[in-house]
Amino acid sequence: MTKTLALALLFGSASALNNGVGRAPAMGWNSWNTFRCDINEAIVLEVARAMASNGLRDAGYVYVNIDDCWMKSRDGRGHVVPEATKFPRGMKAVADEVRPAHTPCTGIPEGVFTLVSLVLVSQGSGRREQTAVVQ
């Protein structure tokens, strides 16, 4: 075993693409860490703008993840229905403001959390057949 390990270390090699992937962990902001279920559209947009304007994006913090408690339910087709009191314009409008293609001033990709199990952390419903659909 020791001889095999020594030979592997001496003659082994690894190859990787020189494309920048994996040089740092995925870094960003997650709503659950601070707000838990007290999240809404205004908070998400304020955080995304602050990340862009305060240099966090340039430092590598490039994700805005909206965790649990943003959805109300699923419709008859299984599509996620956002909580209208928290996200009155819907998740697509929020994503359009945060997403780099629509708002170059933030340039931060967004993500939303949903679960493929039967119950979400906040006791919402989930389905195995479908992941989050931004509406």
C-alpha atoms as a PDB file:
ATOM      1  CA  MET A   1       0.000   0.000   0.000  1.00  0.00           C
ATOM      2  CA  THR A   2       2.758   2.453   0.940  1.00  0.00           C
ATOM      3  CA  LYS A   3       4.720   1.597  -2.200  1.00  0.00           C
ATOM      4  CA  THR A   4       1.620   2.129  -4.384  1.00  0.00           C
ATOM      5  CA  LEU A   5       0.907   5.488  -2.740  1.00  0.00           C
ATOM      6  CA  ALA A   6       4.529   6.589  -3.180  1.00  0.00           C
ATOM      7  CA  LEU A   7       4.470   5.626  -6.868  1.00  0.00           C
ATOM      8  CA  ALA A   8       1.169   7.427  -7.386  1.00  0.00           C
ATOM      9  CA  LEU A   9       2.547  10.581  -5.789  1.00  0.00           C
ATOM     10  CA  LEU A  10       5.793  10.362  -7.752  1.00  0.00           C
ATOM     11  CA  PHE A  11       4.377   9.533 -11.183  1.00  0.00           C
ATOM     12  CA  GLY A  12       0.727  10.490 -10.886  1.00  0.00           C
ATOM     13  CA  SER A  13      -0.613  13.603 -12.477  1.00  0.00           C
ATOM     14  CA  ALA A  14      -3.840  15.470 -12.640  1.00  0.00           C
ATOM     15  CA  SER A  15      -5.223  17.467 -15.468  1.00  0.00           C
ATOM     16  CA  ALA A  16      -7.685  20.309 -15.389  1.00  0.00           C
ATOM     17  CA  LEU A  17      -9.021  22.930 -17.706  1.00  0.00           C
ATOM     18  CA  ASN A  18      -7.554  26.366 -17.233  1.00  0.00           C
ATOM     19  CA  ASN A  19     -10.948  28.082 -17.329  1.00  0.00           C
ATOM     20  CA  GLY A  20     -11.244  29.486 -13.816  1.00  0.00           C
ATOM     21  CA  VAL A  21     -13.858  26.970 -12.690  1.00  0.00           C
ATOM     22  CA  GLY A  22     -13.307  25.663  -9.181  1.00  0.00           C
ATOM     23  CA  ARG A  23     -10.671  28.202  -8.161  1.00  0.00           C
ATOM     24  CA  ALA A  24     -12.950  29.471  -5.391  1.00  0.00           C
ATOM     25  CA  PRO A  25     -16.100  28.124  -3.796  1.00  0.00           C
ATOM     26  CA  ALA A  26     -19.437  29.430  -5.015  1.00  0.00           C
ATOM     27  CA  MET A  27     -19.941  32.604  -2.998  1.00  0.00           C
ATOM     28  CA  GLY A  28     -23.016  34.713  -2.545  1.00  0.00           C
ATOM     29  CA  TRP A  29     -25.894  35.596  -0.273  1.00  0.00           C
ATOM     30  CA  ASN A  30     -28.640  33.294   0.962  1.00  0.00           C
ATOM     31  CA  SER A  31     -31.827  34.775   2.401  1.00  0.00           C
ATOM     32  CA  TRP A  32     -32.297  32.027   4.985  1.00  0.00           C
ATOM     33  CA  ASN A  33     -29.141  32.844   6.934  1.00  0.00           C
ATOM     34  CA  THR A  34     -30.461  36.222   8.080  1.00  0.00           C
ATOM     35  CA  PHE A  35     -34.154  36.476   7.329  1.00  0.00           C
ATOM     36  CA  ARG A  36     -35.504  32.907   7.454  1.00  0.00           C
ATOM     37  CA  CYS A  37     -39.189  33.357   6.502  1.00  0.00           C
ATOM     38  CA  ASP A  38     -39.161  37.159   6.853  1.00  0.00           C
ATOM     39  CA  ILE A  39     -38.068  37.617   3.239  1.00  0.00           C
ATOM     40  CA  ASN A  40     -39.662  39.768   0.547  1.00  0.00           C
ATOM     41  CA  GLU A  41     -39.031  41.390  -2.814  1.00  0.00           C
ATOM     42  CA  ALA A  42     -37.675  44.652  -1.375  1.00  0.00           C
ATOM     43  CA  ILE A  43     -35.077  42.864   0.772  1.00  0.00           C
ATOM     44  CA  VAL A  44     -33.867  40.693  -2.101  1.00  0.00           C
ATOM     45  CA  LEU A  45     -33.475  43.664  -4.435  1.00  0.00           C
ATOM     46  CA  GLU A  46     -31.780  45.773  -1.750  1.00  0.00           C
ATOM     47  CA  VAL A  47     -29.243  43.025  -1.053  1.00  0.00           C
ATOM     48  CA  ALA A  48     -28.525  42.448  -4.766  1.00  0.00           C
ATOM     49  CA  ARG A  49     -27.947  46.156  -5.354  1.00  0.00           C
ATOM     50  CA  ALA A  50     -25.741  46.430  -2.267  1.00  0.00           C
ATOM     51  CA  MET A  51     -23.645  43.462  -3.380  1.00  0.00           C
ATOM     52  CA  ALA A  52     -23.080  45.112  -6.756  1.00  0.00           C
ATOM     53  CA  SER A  53     -22.455  48.648  -5.506  1.00  0.00           C
ATOM     54  CA  ASN A  54     -20.234  47.741  -2.549  1.00  0.00           C
ATOM     55  CA  GLY A  55     -17.778  45.609  -4.502  1.00  0.00           C
ATOM     56  CA  LEU A  56     -18.884  42.200  -3.257  1.00  0.00           C
ATOM     57  CA  ARG A  57     -19.666  41.036  -6.793  1.00  0.00           C
ATOM     58  CA  ASP A  58     -16.171  42.025  -7.898  1.00  0.00           C
ATOM     59  CA  ALA A  59     -14.736  40.156  -4.902  1.00  0.00           C
ATOM     60  CA  GLY A  60     -16.426  36.949  -6.072  1.00  0.00           C
ATOM     61  CA  TYR A  61     -19.767  37.045  -4.251  1.00  0.00           C
ATOM     62  CA  VAL A  62     -21.861  36.413  -7.326  1.00  0.00           C
ATOM     63  CA  TYR A  63     -25.040  34.607  -6.214  1.00  0.00           C
ATOM     64  CA  VAL A  64     -28.308  35.793  -4.689  1.00  0.00           C
ATOM     65  CA  ASN A  65     -30.261  32.786  -3.453  1.00  0.00           C
ATOM     66  CA  ILE A  66     -33.803  33.175  -2.223  1.00  0.00           C
ATOM     67  CA  ASP A  67     -34.272  30.309   0.168  1.00  0.00           C
ATOM     68  CA  ASP A  68     -37.480  28.941   1.662  1.00  0.00           C
ATOM     69  CA  CYS A  69     -40.704  30.878   2.351  1.00  0.00           C
ATOM     70  CA  TRP A  70     -41.045  32.669  -0.976  1.00  0.00           C
ATOM     71  CA  MET A  71     -43.673  30.311  -2.355  1.00  0.00           C
ATOM     72  CA  LYS A  72     -47.314  30.026  -1.377  1.00  0.00           C
ATOM     73  CA  SER A  73     -48.201  26.712  -3.012  1.00  0.00           C
ATOM     74  CA  ARG A  74     -48.279  24.923  -6.347  1.00  0.00           C
ATOM     75  CA  ASP A  75     -50.986  25.296  -8.933  1.00  0.00           C
ATOM     76  CA  GLY A  76     -52.946  22.470 -10.560  1.00  0.00           C
ATOM     77  CA  ARG A  77     -50.091  21.786 -12.991  1.00  0.00           C
ATOM     78  CA  GLY A  78     -47.528  21.635 -10.193  1.00  0.00           C
ATOM     79  CA  HIS A  79     -45.989  25.040 -10.921  1.00  0.00           C
ATOM     80  CA  VAL A  80     -44.738  27.024  -7.972  1.00  0.00           C
ATOM     81  CA  VAL A  81     -46.962  29.962  -6.974  1.00  0.00           C
ATOM     82  CA  PRO A  82     -45.081  32.797  -5.251  1.00  0.00           C
ATOM     83  CA  GLU A  83     -46.380  34.371  -2.044  1.00  0.00           C
ATOM     84  CA  ALA A  84     -48.081  37.498  -3.464  1.00  0.00           C
ATOM     85  CA  THR A  85     -47.840  39.511  -0.245  1.00  0.00           C
ATOM     86  CA  LYS A  86     -44.046  39.042  -0.172  1.00  0.00           C
ATOM     87  CA  PHE A  87     -43.402  39.122  -3.923  1.00  0.00           C
ATOM     88  CA  PRO A  88     -46.298  41.128  -5.403  1.00  0.00           C
ATOM     89  CA  ARG A  89     -44.735  41.370  -8.884  1.00  0.00           C
ATOM     90  CA  GLY A  90     -43.888  37.638  -8.907  1.00  0.00           C
ATOM     91  CA  MET A  91     -40.537  35.887  -8.956  1.00  0.00           C
ATOM     92  CA  LYS A  92     -39.869  36.565 -12.632  1.00  0.00           C
ATOM     93  CA  ALA A  93     -39.925  40.326 -12.030  1.00  0.00           C
ATOM     94  CA  VAL A  94     -37.486  39.955  -9.137  1.00  0.00           C
ATOM     95  CA  ALA A  95     -35.223  37.701 -11.187  1.00  0.00           C
ATOM     96  CA  ASP A  96     -35.350  40.127 -14.108  1.00  0.00           C
ATOM     97  CA  GLU A  97     -34.072  42.925 -11.860  1.00  0.00           C
ATOM     98  CA  VAL A  98     -31.283  40.846 -10.371  1.00  0.00           C
ATOM     99  CA  ARG A  99     -30.270  38.850 -13.456  1.00  0.00           C
ATOM    100  CA  PRO A 100     -27.271  40.198 -15.404  1.00  0.00           C
ATOM    101  CA  ALA A 101     -28.981  40.099 -18.791  1.00  0.00           C
ATOM    102  CA  HIS A 102     -31.658  42.485 -17.586  1.00  0.00           C
ATOM    103  CA  THR A 103     -29.827  44.668 -15.076  1.00  0.00           C
ATOM    104  CA  PRO A 104     -26.166  45.091 -15.874  1.00  0.00           C
ATOM    105  CA  CYS A 105     -25.813  47.278 -12.780  1.00  0.00           C
ATOM    106  CA  THR A 106     -26.062  44.207 -10.546  1.00  0.00           C
ATOM    107  CA  GLY A 107     -24.697  41.466 -12.781  1.00  0.00           C
ATOM    108  CA  ILE A 108     -25.541  38.851 -10.152  1.00  0.00           C
ATOM    109  CA  PRO A 109     -27.174  35.487 -10.954  1.00  0.00           C
ATOM    110  CA  GLU A 110     -30.187  34.617  -8.828  1.00  0.00           C
ATOM    111  CA  GLY A 111     -31.514  31.343  -7.572  1.00  0.00           C
ATOM    112  CA  VAL A 112     -34.620  30.214  -5.758  1.00  0.00           C
ATOM    113  CA  PHE A 113     -35.059  27.290  -3.423  1.00  0.00           C
ATOM    114  CA  THR A 114     -37.680  24.647  -3.744  1.00  0.00           C
ATOM    115  CA  LEU A 115     -37.567  21.031  -2.739  1.00  0.00           C
ATOM    116  CA  VAL A 116     -38.390  17.816  -4.533  1.00  0.00           C
ATOM    117  CA  SER A 117     -39.615  16.173  -1.350  1.00  0.00           C
ATOM    118  CA  LEU A 118     -43.169  16.296  -0.068  1.00  0.00           C
ATOM    119  CA  VAL A 119     -42.681  19.061   2.536  1.00  0.00           C
ATOM    120  CA  LEU A 120     -40.574  22.219   2.491  1.00  0.00           C
ATOM    121  CA  VAL A 121     -38.807  23.540   5.554  1.00  0.00           C
ATOM    122  CA  SER A 122     -41.610  26.071   6.059  1.00  0.00           C
ATOM    123  CA  GLN A 123     -44.230  23.320   5.622  1.00  0.00           C
ATOM    124  CA  GLY A 124     -45.059  24.172   2.011  1.00  0.00           C
ATOM    125  CA  SER A 125     -45.652  21.452  -0.547  1.00  0.00           C
ATOM    126  CA  GLY A 126     -43.243  20.004  -3.073  1.00  0.00           C
ATOM    127  CA  ARG A 127     -43.353  17.566  -5.968  1.00  0.00           C
ATOM    128  CA  ARG A 128     -40.791  15.118  -7.271  1.00  0.00           C
ATOM    129  CA  GLU A 129     -41.789  15.711 -10.876  1.00  0.00           C
ATOM    130  CA  GLN A 130     -41.079  19.414 -10.993  1.00  0.00           C
ATOM    131  CA  THR A 131     -38.579  21.940  -9.753  1.00  0.00           C
ATOM    132  CA  ALA A 132     -39.144  25.674  -9.318  1.00  0.00           C
ATOM    133  CA  VAL A 133     -40.704  27.485 -12.227  1.00  0.00           C
ATOM    134  CA  VAL A 134     -40.214  31.235 -12.109  1.00  0.00           C
ATOM    135  CA  GLN A 135     -43.552  32.805 -12.962  1.00  0.00           C
END
